[in-house]
């Protein structure tokens, strides 16, 4: 039984991908609630549980998406509460990021330097890649680095839980700079800051972008084990 449980968890982890094209099949409200309940089992320092989630579907999702897409195309991006990427990339991170970007654009047929199509592809983030459920996550901006670290565990737990349920996700830092637009459509408190968004639904198996499988560095490449 223990081996079976481990295999199930391992399968959910290994098959999780950042899906960038979804089917329109709806995800029931109770399923979203159950996944968030499970994600809330993630550990956090002193059990502070720094996460807050907003799930949108139907017309609420459509209104939010159109507003953020319009802001993006108009260049109305603001400053996120926390910088996600370094000001300048360096190795090995530059190569890893570049490889994923080039791989994605190759799959969807966007040639290098085609700025208009690259912008259109990026704009699909703000429609949650057509997923029926969009999630926006916030944090109290008065919290410190430890709570942001805890947030990563919560998001990972949610994505693994979704995969175990047969659903797919895409975590989206792209939403963070659009805090001002998002709060016009969601009841965010004055101290809440957008952490990221997440698309939730069923992957479109026919979409070429969903064939992207980024390489992962094995433990031998990043871990040092002593005393074994």
C-alpha atoms as a PDB file:
ATOM      1  CA  UNK A   1       0.000   0.000   0.000  1.00  0.00           C
ATOM      2  CA  UNK A   2       2.815   2.404   0.895  1.00  0.00           C
ATOM      3  CA  UNK A   3       4.479   1.814  -2.480  1.00  0.00           C
ATOM      4  CA  UNK A   4       1.169   2.362  -4.286  1.00  0.00           C
ATOM      5  CA  UNK A   5       0.644   5.661  -2.473  1.00  0.00           C
ATOM      6  CA  UNK A   6       4.155   6.820  -3.312  1.00  0.00           C
ATOM      7  CA  UNK A   7       3.690   5.869  -6.959  1.00  0.00           C
ATOM      8  CA  UNK A   8       0.441   7.859  -7.141  1.00  0.00           C
ATOM      9  CA  UNK A   9       2.073  10.947  -5.672  1.00  0.00           C
ATOM     10  CA  UNK A  10       5.128  10.537  -7.906  1.00  0.00           C
ATOM     11  CA  UNK A  11       2.910  10.242 -10.988  1.00  0.00           C
ATOM     12  CA  UNK A  12       1.050  13.443 -10.089  1.00  0.00           C
ATOM     13  CA  UNK A  13       4.352  15.272  -9.598  1.00  0.00           C
ATOM     14  CA  UNK A  14       5.960  13.963 -12.784  1.00  0.00           C
ATOM     15  CA  UNK A  15       2.935  14.607 -14.992  1.00  0.00           C
ATOM     16  CA  UNK A  16       2.331  18.159 -13.776  1.00  0.00           C
ATOM     17  CA  UNK A  17       3.118  20.629 -16.528  1.00  0.00           C
ATOM     18  CA  UNK A  18       2.562  24.341 -17.144  1.00  0.00           C
ATOM     19  CA  UNK A  19      -0.347  23.809 -19.555  1.00  0.00           C
ATOM     20  CA  UNK A  20      -0.910  26.664 -22.010  1.00  0.00           C
ATOM     21  CA  UNK A  21      -4.041  25.498 -23.833  1.00  0.00           C
ATOM     22  CA  UNK A  22      -7.186  24.169 -22.154  1.00  0.00           C
ATOM     23  CA  UNK A  23     -10.476  22.611 -23.175  1.00  0.00           C
ATOM     24  CA  UNK A  24     -13.670  24.464 -22.311  1.00  0.00           C
ATOM     25  CA  UNK A  25     -15.009  21.667 -20.060  1.00  0.00           C
ATOM     26  CA  UNK A  26     -16.232  23.289 -16.829  1.00  0.00           C
ATOM     27  CA  UNK A  27     -14.740  22.562 -13.422  1.00  0.00           C
ATOM     28  CA  UNK A  28     -17.425  22.399 -10.702  1.00  0.00           C
ATOM     29  CA  UNK A  29     -17.329  24.867  -7.817  1.00  0.00           C
ATOM     30  CA  UNK A  30     -17.113  22.001  -5.311  1.00  0.00           C
ATOM     31  CA  UNK A  31     -14.018  20.628  -7.063  1.00  0.00           C
ATOM     32  CA  UNK A  32     -12.267  23.995  -6.849  1.00  0.00           C
ATOM     33  CA  UNK A  33     -13.178  24.245  -3.156  1.00  0.00           C
ATOM     34  CA  UNK A  34     -11.929  20.710  -2.471  1.00  0.00           C
ATOM     35  CA  UNK A  35      -8.592  21.439  -4.162  1.00  0.00           C
ATOM     36  CA  UNK A  36      -8.114  24.653  -2.205  1.00  0.00           C
ATOM     37  CA  UNK A  37      -8.992  22.847   1.030  1.00  0.00           C
ATOM     38  CA  UNK A  38      -6.330  20.266   0.251  1.00  0.00           C
ATOM     39  CA  UNK A  39      -3.760  22.887  -0.729  1.00  0.00           C
ATOM     40  CA  UNK A  40      -4.311  24.581   2.627  1.00  0.00           C
ATOM     41  CA  UNK A  41      -2.669  21.548   4.263  1.00  0.00           C
ATOM     42  CA  UNK A  42       0.661  22.933   3.041  1.00  0.00           C
ATOM     43  CA  UNK A  43       3.051  23.874   5.854  1.00  0.00           C
ATOM     44  CA  UNK A  44       3.650  27.478   6.850  1.00  0.00           C
ATOM     45  CA  UNK A  45       5.787  29.097   9.533  1.00  0.00           C
ATOM     46  CA  UNK A  46       3.909  29.161  12.865  1.00  0.00           C
ATOM     47  CA  UNK A  47       0.865  27.999  10.871  1.00  0.00           C
ATOM     48  CA  UNK A  48       0.348  31.558   9.614  1.00  0.00           C
ATOM     49  CA  UNK A  49      -1.214  30.371   6.332  1.00  0.00           C
ATOM     50  CA  UNK A  50      -0.420  33.548   4.354  1.00  0.00           C
ATOM     51  CA  UNK A  51      -2.437  32.649   1.264  1.00  0.00           C
ATOM     52  CA  UNK A  52      -5.679  34.094  -0.029  1.00  0.00           C
ATOM     53  CA  UNK A  53      -7.345  32.912  -3.228  1.00  0.00           C
ATOM     54  CA  UNK A  54      -9.944  34.279  -5.635  1.00  0.00           C
ATOM     55  CA  UNK A  55     -11.464  31.861  -8.156  1.00  0.00           C
ATOM     56  CA  UNK A  56     -13.312  33.195 -11.187  1.00  0.00           C
ATOM     57  CA  UNK A  57     -15.396  31.438 -13.816  1.00  0.00           C
ATOM     58  CA  UNK A  58     -18.074  32.396 -16.319  1.00  0.00           C
ATOM     59  CA  UNK A  59     -18.823  36.109 -16.693  1.00  0.00           C
ATOM     60  CA  UNK A  60     -16.640  37.101 -13.729  1.00  0.00           C
ATOM     61  CA  UNK A  61     -13.684  35.433 -15.400  1.00  0.00           C
ATOM     62  CA  UNK A  62     -14.475  37.021 -18.765  1.00  0.00           C
ATOM     63  CA  UNK A  63     -14.663  40.533 -17.293  1.00  0.00           C
ATOM     64  CA  UNK A  64     -11.373  40.133 -15.454  1.00  0.00           C
ATOM     65  CA  UNK A  65      -9.622  38.688 -18.492  1.00  0.00           C
ATOM     66  CA  UNK A  66     -10.746  41.442 -20.846  1.00  0.00           C
ATOM     67  CA  UNK A  67      -9.662  44.134 -18.405  1.00  0.00           C
ATOM     68  CA  UNK A  68      -6.186  42.681 -17.864  1.00  0.00           C
ATOM     69  CA  UNK A  69      -5.659  41.966 -21.582  1.00  0.00           C
ATOM     70  CA  UNK A  70      -6.602  45.574 -22.394  1.00  0.00           C
ATOM     71  CA  UNK A  71      -4.203  46.900 -19.746  1.00  0.00           C
ATOM     72  CA  UNK A  72      -1.406  44.674 -21.043  1.00  0.00           C
ATOM     73  CA  UNK A  73      -1.872  45.729 -24.666  1.00  0.00           C
ATOM     74  CA  UNK A  74      -1.999  49.382 -23.594  1.00  0.00           C
ATOM     75  CA  UNK A  75       1.258  49.016 -21.679  1.00  0.00           C
ATOM     76  CA  UNK A  76      -0.341  49.729 -18.303  1.00  0.00           C
ATOM     77  CA  UNK A  77       1.790  47.275 -16.369  1.00  0.00           C
ATOM     78  CA  UNK A  78       2.685  48.356 -12.829  1.00  0.00           C
ATOM     79  CA  UNK A  79       5.285  47.194 -10.338  1.00  0.00           C
ATOM     80  CA  UNK A  80       4.641  43.813  -8.699  1.00  0.00           C
ATOM     81  CA  UNK A  81       4.805  43.514  -4.917  1.00  0.00           C
ATOM     82  CA  UNK A  82       7.917  41.363  -5.242  1.00  0.00           C
ATOM     83  CA  UNK A  83      10.331  41.047  -8.157  1.00  0.00           C
ATOM     84  CA  UNK A  84      10.123  37.547  -9.590  1.00  0.00           C
ATOM     85  CA  UNK A  85      13.155  37.575 -11.908  1.00  0.00           C
ATOM     86  CA  UNK A  86      16.632  39.080 -11.454  1.00  0.00           C
ATOM     87  CA  UNK A  87      17.402  42.376 -13.166  1.00  0.00           C
ATOM     88  CA  UNK A  88      19.922  40.558 -15.334  1.00  0.00           C
ATOM     89  CA  UNK A  89      19.983  36.835 -16.096  1.00  0.00           C
ATOM     90  CA  UNK A  90      23.179  34.814 -15.722  1.00  0.00           C
ATOM     91  CA  UNK A  91      24.162  31.186 -16.164  1.00  0.00           C
ATOM     92  CA  UNK A  92      22.834  28.561 -15.838  1.00  0.00           C
ATOM     93  CA  UNK A  93      19.496  30.369 -15.488  1.00  0.00           C
ATOM     94  CA  UNK A  94      19.769  32.372 -18.701  1.00  0.00           C
ATOM     95  CA  UNK A  95      20.172  29.228 -20.794  1.00  0.00           C
ATOM     96  CA  UNK A  96      17.368  27.345 -19.022  1.00  0.00           C
ATOM     97  CA  UNK A  97      14.925  30.216 -19.477  1.00  0.00           C
ATOM     98  CA  UNK A  98      15.921  30.756 -23.093  1.00  0.00           C
ATOM     99  CA  UNK A  99      15.524  27.056 -23.888  1.00  0.00           C
ATOM    100  CA  UNK A 100      11.946  27.022 -22.574  1.00  0.00           C
ATOM    101  CA  UNK A 101      11.010  30.189 -24.454  1.00  0.00           C
ATOM    102  CA  UNK A 102      12.464  29.033 -27.749  1.00  0.00           C
ATOM    103  CA  UNK A 103      10.885  25.607 -27.322  1.00  0.00           C
ATOM    104  CA  UNK A 104       7.440  27.102 -26.749  1.00  0.00           C
ATOM    105  CA  UNK A 105       7.638  29.503 -29.680  1.00  0.00           C
ATOM    106  CA  UNK A 106       8.870  26.754 -31.978  1.00  0.00           C
ATOM    107  CA  UNK A 107       5.894  24.562 -31.076  1.00  0.00           C
ATOM    108  CA  UNK A 108       3.367  27.331 -31.789  1.00  0.00           C
ATOM    109  CA  UNK A 109       5.171  28.461 -34.950  1.00  0.00           C
ATOM    110  CA  UNK A 110       6.397  31.877 -33.818  1.00  0.00           C
ATOM    111  CA  UNK A 111       9.747  32.730 -35.455  1.00  0.00           C
ATOM    112  CA  UNK A 112      12.452  34.555 -33.537  1.00  0.00           C
ATOM    113  CA  UNK A 113      11.948  38.308 -33.689  1.00  0.00           C
ATOM    114  CA  UNK A 114       8.211  38.242 -34.470  1.00  0.00           C
ATOM    115  CA  UNK A 115       7.299  40.729 -31.747  1.00  0.00           C
ATOM    116  CA  UNK A 116       3.595  40.976 -32.656  1.00  0.00           C
ATOM    117  CA  UNK A 117       2.967  37.242 -32.390  1.00  0.00           C
ATOM    118  CA  UNK A 118       5.082  36.977 -29.249  1.00  0.00           C
ATOM    119  CA  UNK A 119       2.958  39.705 -27.670  1.00  0.00           C
ATOM    120  CA  UNK A 120      -0.242  37.910 -28.715  1.00  0.00           C
ATOM    121  CA  UNK A 121       1.030  34.653 -27.224  1.00  0.00           C
ATOM    122  CA  UNK A 122       1.922  36.404 -23.970  1.00  0.00           C
ATOM    123  CA  UNK A 123      -1.524  38.008 -23.876  1.00  0.00           C
ATOM    124  CA  UNK A 124      -3.029  34.522 -23.700  1.00  0.00           C
ATOM    125  CA  UNK A 125      -1.735  34.417 -20.120  1.00  0.00           C
ATOM    126  CA  UNK A 126      -4.372  36.965 -19.226  1.00  0.00           C
ATOM    127  CA  UNK A 127      -7.150  34.778 -20.587  1.00  0.00           C
ATOM    128  CA  UNK A 128      -5.850  31.940 -18.431  1.00  0.00           C
ATOM    129  CA  UNK A 129      -5.011  30.138 -21.692  1.00  0.00           C
ATOM    130  CA  UNK A 130      -8.767  29.562 -22.125  1.00  0.00           C
ATOM    131  CA  UNK A 131      -9.044  27.518 -18.928  1.00  0.00           C
ATOM    132  CA  UNK A 132     -12.590  27.632 -17.491  1.00  0.00           C
ATOM    133  CA  UNK A 133     -11.312  28.616 -14.034  1.00  0.00           C
ATOM    134  CA  UNK A 134      -8.886  31.396 -13.254  1.00  0.00           C
ATOM    135  CA  UNK A 135      -7.282  31.799  -9.849  1.00  0.00           C
ATOM    136  CA  UNK A 136      -5.713  34.934  -8.430  1.00  0.00           C
ATOM    137  CA  UNK A 137      -3.593  34.610  -5.300  1.00  0.00           C
ATOM    138  CA  UNK A 138      -2.771  37.431  -2.925  1.00  0.00           C
ATOM    139  CA  UNK A 139      -0.697  37.992   0.188  1.00  0.00           C
ATOM    140  CA  UNK A 140      -0.745  40.649   2.872  1.00  0.00           C
ATOM    141  CA  UNK A 141       2.019  43.002   1.753  1.00  0.00           C
ATOM    142  CA  UNK A 142       3.098  43.496   5.386  1.00  0.00           C
ATOM    143  CA  UNK A 143       4.331  39.902   5.616  1.00  0.00           C
ATOM    144  CA  UNK A 144       7.992  39.008   5.154  1.00  0.00           C
ATOM    145  CA  UNK A 145      10.095  36.699   2.982  1.00  0.00           C
ATOM    146  CA  UNK A 146       9.252  33.576   4.967  1.00  0.00           C
ATOM    147  CA  UNK A 147       5.571  33.876   4.102  1.00  0.00           C
ATOM    148  CA  UNK A 148       6.432  34.189   0.407  1.00  0.00           C
ATOM    149  CA  UNK A 149       8.431  30.963   0.712  1.00  0.00           C
ATOM    150  CA  UNK A 150       5.453  29.288   2.397  1.00  0.00           C
ATOM    151  CA  UNK A 151       3.261  30.480  -0.468  1.00  0.00           C
ATOM    152  CA  UNK A 152       5.311  28.431  -2.927  1.00  0.00           C
ATOM    153  CA  UNK A 153       4.544  25.279  -0.963  1.00  0.00           C
ATOM    154  CA  UNK A 154       0.835  26.104  -1.032  1.00  0.00           C
ATOM    155  CA  UNK A 155       0.838  26.651  -4.792  1.00  0.00           C
ATOM    156  CA  UNK A 156       2.790  23.447  -5.431  1.00  0.00           C
ATOM    157  CA  UNK A 157       0.395  21.478  -3.224  1.00  0.00           C
ATOM    158  CA  UNK A 158      -2.549  22.876  -5.179  1.00  0.00           C
ATOM    159  CA  UNK A 159      -1.019  21.973  -8.539  1.00  0.00           C
ATOM    160  CA  UNK A 160      -0.175  18.427  -7.462  1.00  0.00           C
ATOM    161  CA  UNK A 161      -3.651  17.970  -5.993  1.00  0.00           C
ATOM    162  CA  UNK A 162      -5.191  19.157  -9.260  1.00  0.00           C
ATOM    163  CA  UNK A 163      -3.060  16.736 -11.284  1.00  0.00           C
ATOM    164  CA  UNK A 164      -4.080  13.859  -8.991  1.00  0.00           C
ATOM    165  CA  UNK A 165      -7.708  14.828  -9.703  1.00  0.00           C
ATOM    166  CA  UNK A 166      -7.086  14.654 -13.466  1.00  0.00           C
ATOM    167  CA  UNK A 167      -6.909  18.431 -13.877  1.00  0.00           C
ATOM    168  CA  UNK A 168      -4.128  20.639 -15.197  1.00  0.00           C
ATOM    169  CA  UNK A 169      -2.749  24.017 -14.216  1.00  0.00           C
ATOM    170  CA  UNK A 170      -0.446  26.813 -15.257  1.00  0.00           C
ATOM    171  CA  UNK A 171       1.053  29.070 -12.573  1.00  0.00           C
ATOM    172  CA  UNK A 172       1.240  32.636 -13.887  1.00  0.00           C
ATOM    173  CA  UNK A 173       3.519  35.276 -12.413  1.00  0.00           C
ATOM    174  CA  UNK A 174       2.451  37.443 -15.375  1.00  0.00           C
ATOM    175  CA  UNK A 175      -0.586  38.660 -13.416  1.00  0.00           C
ATOM    176  CA  UNK A 176       1.423  40.236 -10.577  1.00  0.00           C
ATOM    177  CA  UNK A 177       2.128  43.614 -12.292  1.00  0.00           C
ATOM    178  CA  UNK A 178      -1.593  44.151 -12.904  1.00  0.00           C
ATOM    179  CA  UNK A 179      -2.592  44.530  -9.263  1.00  0.00           C
ATOM    180  CA  UNK A 180      -4.359  47.856  -9.905  1.00  0.00           C
ATOM    181  CA  UNK A 181      -6.547  46.386 -12.655  1.00  0.00           C
ATOM    182  CA  UNK A 182      -7.303  43.183 -10.774  1.00  0.00           C
ATOM    183  CA  UNK A 183      -8.466  44.964  -7.639  1.00  0.00           C
ATOM    184  CA  UNK A 184     -11.099  46.794  -9.683  1.00  0.00           C
ATOM    185  CA  UNK A 185     -12.709  43.431 -10.396  1.00  0.00           C
ATOM    186  CA  UNK A 186     -11.997  41.449  -7.218  1.00  0.00           C
ATOM    187  CA  UNK A 187     -12.654  42.469  -3.596  1.00  0.00           C
ATOM    188  CA  UNK A 188      -9.008  42.800  -2.553  1.00  0.00           C
ATOM    189  CA  UNK A 189      -8.325  44.517   0.740  1.00  0.00           C
ATOM    190  CA  UNK A 190      -5.985  47.544   0.882  1.00  0.00           C
ATOM    191  CA  UNK A 191      -3.085  45.460   2.241  1.00  0.00           C
ATOM    192  CA  UNK A 192      -3.470  42.605  -0.248  1.00  0.00           C
ATOM    193  CA  UNK A 193      -0.927  42.297  -3.059  1.00  0.00           C
ATOM    194  CA  UNK A 194      -1.227  39.987  -6.069  1.00  0.00           C
ATOM    195  CA  UNK A 195       1.260  37.103  -5.935  1.00  0.00           C
ATOM    196  CA  UNK A 196       0.313  35.346  -9.177  1.00  0.00           C
ATOM    197  CA  UNK A 197      -2.516  33.824 -11.152  1.00  0.00           C
ATOM    198  CA  UNK A 198      -3.184  30.227 -12.093  1.00  0.00           C
ATOM    199  CA  UNK A 199      -5.159  28.583 -14.879  1.00  0.00           C
ATOM    200  CA  UNK A 200      -7.142  25.489 -13.880  1.00  0.00           C
ATOM    201  CA  UNK A 201      -8.929  23.060 -16.159  1.00  0.00           C
ATOM    202  CA  UNK A 202      -8.363  20.172 -18.563  1.00  0.00           C
ATOM    203  CA  UNK A 203      -5.464  20.307 -20.992  1.00  0.00           C
ATOM    204  CA  UNK A 204      -6.225  20.356 -24.705  1.00  0.00           C
ATOM    205  CA  UNK A 205      -4.288  17.296 -25.907  1.00  0.00           C
ATOM    206  CA  UNK A 206      -4.290  18.569 -29.500  1.00  0.00           C
ATOM    207  CA  UNK A 207      -2.588  21.879 -28.739  1.00  0.00           C
ATOM    208  CA  UNK A 208       1.062  21.851 -29.858  1.00  0.00           C
ATOM    209  CA  UNK A 209       2.209  24.040 -26.955  1.00  0.00           C
ATOM    210  CA  UNK A 210       1.192  21.305 -24.538  1.00  0.00           C
ATOM    211  CA  UNK A 211       3.903  19.087 -25.962  1.00  0.00           C
ATOM    212  CA  UNK A 212       6.529  21.228 -24.248  1.00  0.00           C
ATOM    213  CA  UNK A 213       8.333  19.194 -21.575  1.00  0.00           C
ATOM    214  CA  UNK A 214      11.148  21.259 -20.010  1.00  0.00           C
ATOM    215  CA  UNK A 215      14.284  19.399 -18.982  1.00  0.00           C
ATOM    216  CA  UNK A 216      14.934  18.941 -15.271  1.00  0.00           C
ATOM    217  CA  UNK A 217      18.328  18.865 -13.644  1.00  0.00           C
ATOM    218  CA  UNK A 218      18.805  15.540 -11.799  1.00  0.00           C
ATOM    219  CA  UNK A 219      19.699  15.504  -8.118  1.00  0.00           C
ATOM    220  CA  UNK A 220      23.312  14.715  -9.009  1.00  0.00           C
ATOM    221  CA  UNK A 221      23.523  18.150 -10.632  1.00  0.00           C
ATOM    222  CA  UNK A 222      22.364  20.258  -7.695  1.00  0.00           C
ATOM    223  CA  UNK A 223      22.570  18.203  -4.496  1.00  0.00           C
ATOM    224  CA  UNK A 224      25.509  17.324  -2.234  1.00  0.00           C
ATOM    225  CA  UNK A 225      24.969  14.255  -0.059  1.00  0.00           C
ATOM    226  CA  UNK A 226      27.351  13.604   2.825  1.00  0.00           C
ATOM    227  CA  UNK A 227      27.692  10.731   5.264  1.00  0.00           C
ATOM    228  CA  UNK A 228      25.767   8.111   3.283  1.00  0.00           C
END
